[in-house]
């Protein structure tokens, strides 16, 4: 089975972090899912000013709430990450389409 990675950001607040993550997604062909609210403006003007001119090549999806994301992906495999987790991100064997 072909693996498809998806990165999910819940209520991102720092534009530089989101920019770095989106750049990595663009280069690796990974889809980016952003769950609102967003702590900064995403518009053509702000993206160009931040040097994110590749944004149009990015596969990006927006959700109004976590509940909307959860409803659309209720049968998908979702992994949650935290600095306080007991398991390492390298522990699972990621197979198929996964959401990180």
C-alpha atoms as a PDB file:
ATOM      1  CA  UNK A   1       0.000   0.000   0.000  1.00  0.00           C
ATOM      2  CA  UNK A   2       1.298   3.439  -0.903  1.00  0.00           C
ATOM      3  CA  UNK A   3       1.929   5.750   2.038  1.00  0.00           C
ATOM      4  CA  UNK A   4       0.459   9.251   2.044  1.00  0.00           C
ATOM      5  CA  UNK A   5       1.438  11.658   4.790  1.00  0.00           C
ATOM      6  CA  UNK A   6      -0.728  14.537   5.910  1.00  0.00           C
ATOM      7  CA  UNK A   7       0.355  17.183   8.407  1.00  0.00           C
ATOM      8  CA  UNK A   8      -2.409  18.702  10.522  1.00  0.00           C
ATOM      9  CA  UNK A   9      -1.993  22.011  12.367  1.00  0.00           C
ATOM     10  CA  UNK A  10      -4.584  22.812  14.997  1.00  0.00           C
ATOM     11  CA  UNK A  11      -5.062  26.543  15.562  1.00  0.00           C
ATOM     12  CA  UNK A  12      -1.569  27.602  14.417  1.00  0.00           C
ATOM     13  CA  UNK A  13      -0.402  30.850  16.010  1.00  0.00           C
ATOM     14  CA  UNK A  14       3.141  31.400  14.761  1.00  0.00           C
ATOM     15  CA  UNK A  15       3.391  32.301  11.056  1.00  0.00           C
ATOM     16  CA  UNK A  16       7.089  31.414  10.810  1.00  0.00           C
ATOM     17  CA  UNK A  17       6.480  27.880  12.120  1.00  0.00           C
ATOM     18  CA  UNK A  18       3.549  27.404   9.758  1.00  0.00           C
ATOM     19  CA  UNK A  19       5.725  28.719   6.912  1.00  0.00           C
ATOM     20  CA  UNK A  20       8.509  26.247   7.686  1.00  0.00           C
ATOM     21  CA  UNK A  21       6.058  23.356   7.931  1.00  0.00           C
ATOM     22  CA  UNK A  22       4.289  24.352   4.726  1.00  0.00           C
ATOM     23  CA  UNK A  23       7.619  24.629   2.885  1.00  0.00           C
ATOM     24  CA  UNK A  24       8.525  21.099   3.989  1.00  0.00           C
ATOM     25  CA  UNK A  25       5.085  19.864   2.901  1.00  0.00           C
ATOM     26  CA  UNK A  26       5.470  21.513  -0.501  1.00  0.00           C
ATOM     27  CA  UNK A  27       8.883  19.943  -1.129  1.00  0.00           C
ATOM     28  CA  UNK A  28       7.869  16.452   0.052  1.00  0.00           C
ATOM     29  CA  UNK A  29       4.405  16.336  -1.531  1.00  0.00           C
ATOM     30  CA  UNK A  30       2.761  16.133   1.882  1.00  0.00           C
ATOM     31  CA  UNK A  31      -0.726  17.630   2.252  1.00  0.00           C
ATOM     32  CA  UNK A  32      -1.196  20.337   4.888  1.00  0.00           C
ATOM     33  CA  UNK A  33      -4.446  20.549   6.859  1.00  0.00           C
ATOM     34  CA  UNK A  34      -5.095  23.702   8.890  1.00  0.00           C
ATOM     35  CA  UNK A  35      -7.792  23.763  11.552  1.00  0.00           C
ATOM     36  CA  UNK A  36      -9.067  27.249  12.426  1.00  0.00           C
ATOM     37  CA  UNK A  37      -8.775  29.595  14.169  1.00  0.00           C
ATOM     38  CA  UNK A  38      -5.495  30.765  12.692  1.00  0.00           C
ATOM     39  CA  UNK A  39      -3.493  33.257  14.751  1.00  0.00           C
ATOM     40  CA  UNK A  40      -2.378  35.251  11.693  1.00  0.00           C
ATOM     41  CA  UNK A  41      -3.687  36.309   8.305  1.00  0.00           C
ATOM     42  CA  UNK A  42      -3.314  34.065   5.280  1.00  0.00           C
ATOM     43  CA  UNK A  43      -3.794  36.141   2.157  1.00  0.00           C
ATOM     44  CA  UNK A  44      -1.918  36.591  -1.122  1.00  0.00           C
ATOM     45  CA  UNK A  45      -0.431  39.841   0.180  1.00  0.00           C
ATOM     46  CA  UNK A  46       0.860  38.403   3.465  1.00  0.00           C
ATOM     47  CA  UNK A  47       2.094  35.198   1.821  1.00  0.00           C
ATOM     48  CA  UNK A  48       4.111  37.135  -0.767  1.00  0.00           C
ATOM     49  CA  UNK A  49       5.525  39.458   1.904  1.00  0.00           C
ATOM     50  CA  UNK A  50       6.638  36.427   3.941  1.00  0.00           C
ATOM     51  CA  UNK A  51       8.332  34.885   0.891  1.00  0.00           C
ATOM     52  CA  UNK A  52       5.835  32.030   0.682  1.00  0.00           C
ATOM     53  CA  UNK A  53       5.390  32.304  -3.074  1.00  0.00           C
ATOM     54  CA  UNK A  54       5.222  28.492  -3.321  1.00  0.00           C
ATOM     55  CA  UNK A  55       1.888  28.437  -1.385  1.00  0.00           C
ATOM     56  CA  UNK A  56      -0.063  27.954  -4.627  1.00  0.00           C
ATOM     57  CA  UNK A  57       1.808  24.667  -5.236  1.00  0.00           C
ATOM     58  CA  UNK A  58       0.926  23.380  -1.777  1.00  0.00           C
ATOM     59  CA  UNK A  59      -1.914  20.917  -1.232  1.00  0.00           C
ATOM     60  CA  UNK A  60      -3.662  22.700   1.645  1.00  0.00           C
ATOM     61  CA  UNK A  61      -7.052  22.146   3.278  1.00  0.00           C
ATOM     62  CA  UNK A  62      -8.841  24.371   5.790  1.00  0.00           C
ATOM     63  CA  UNK A  63     -11.356  23.366   8.460  1.00  0.00           C
ATOM     64  CA  UNK A  64     -13.539  25.655  10.536  1.00  0.00           C
ATOM     65  CA  UNK A  65     -13.187  23.458  13.646  1.00  0.00           C
ATOM     66  CA  UNK A  66     -11.628  20.284  14.969  1.00  0.00           C
ATOM     67  CA  UNK A  67     -15.082  18.677  14.820  1.00  0.00           C
ATOM     68  CA  UNK A  68     -15.252  19.338  11.065  1.00  0.00           C
ATOM     69  CA  UNK A  69     -11.795  17.799  10.575  1.00  0.00           C
ATOM     70  CA  UNK A  70     -12.741  14.805  12.730  1.00  0.00           C
ATOM     71  CA  UNK A  71     -15.987  14.241  10.827  1.00  0.00           C
ATOM     72  CA  UNK A  72     -14.251  14.310   7.430  1.00  0.00           C
ATOM     73  CA  UNK A  73     -11.503  11.928   8.576  1.00  0.00           C
ATOM     74  CA  UNK A  74     -13.319   9.635  11.015  1.00  0.00           C
ATOM     75  CA  UNK A  75     -12.114   6.473   9.278  1.00  0.00           C
ATOM     76  CA  UNK A  76      -8.524   7.676   8.764  1.00  0.00           C
ATOM     77  CA  UNK A  77      -5.529   6.940  10.972  1.00  0.00           C
ATOM     78  CA  UNK A  78      -4.612   9.987  13.053  1.00  0.00           C
ATOM     79  CA  UNK A  79      -1.504  10.290  15.235  1.00  0.00           C
ATOM     80  CA  UNK A  80      -1.308  13.016  17.875  1.00  0.00           C
ATOM     81  CA  UNK A  81       2.002  14.522  18.975  1.00  0.00           C
ATOM     82  CA  UNK A  82       2.879  16.130  22.286  1.00  0.00           C
ATOM     83  CA  UNK A  83       6.094  17.016  24.091  1.00  0.00           C
ATOM     84  CA  UNK A  84       4.571  15.218  27.086  1.00  0.00           C
ATOM     85  CA  UNK A  85       3.822  11.875  25.378  1.00  0.00           C
ATOM     86  CA  UNK A  86       5.129   8.571  26.687  1.00  0.00           C
ATOM     87  CA  UNK A  87       5.795   7.131  23.209  1.00  0.00           C
ATOM     88  CA  UNK A  88       8.237   8.454  20.624  1.00  0.00           C
ATOM     89  CA  UNK A  89       7.143   9.571  17.168  1.00  0.00           C
ATOM     90  CA  UNK A  90       9.382   6.841  15.767  1.00  0.00           C
ATOM     91  CA  UNK A  91       7.536   4.039  17.615  1.00  0.00           C
ATOM     92  CA  UNK A  92       4.533   3.530  15.289  1.00  0.00           C
ATOM     93  CA  UNK A  93       4.806   1.851  11.921  1.00  0.00           C
ATOM     94  CA  UNK A  94       3.121   4.392   9.649  1.00  0.00           C
ATOM     95  CA  UNK A  95       1.173   2.626   6.917  1.00  0.00           C
ATOM     96  CA  UNK A  96      -1.311   3.839   4.342  1.00  0.00           C
ATOM     97  CA  UNK A  97      -2.709   7.340   4.558  1.00  0.00           C
ATOM     98  CA  UNK A  98      -1.928   8.877   7.932  1.00  0.00           C
ATOM     99  CA  UNK A  99      -2.548  12.237   9.565  1.00  0.00           C
ATOM    100  CA  UNK A 100       0.117  13.623  11.881  1.00  0.00           C
END
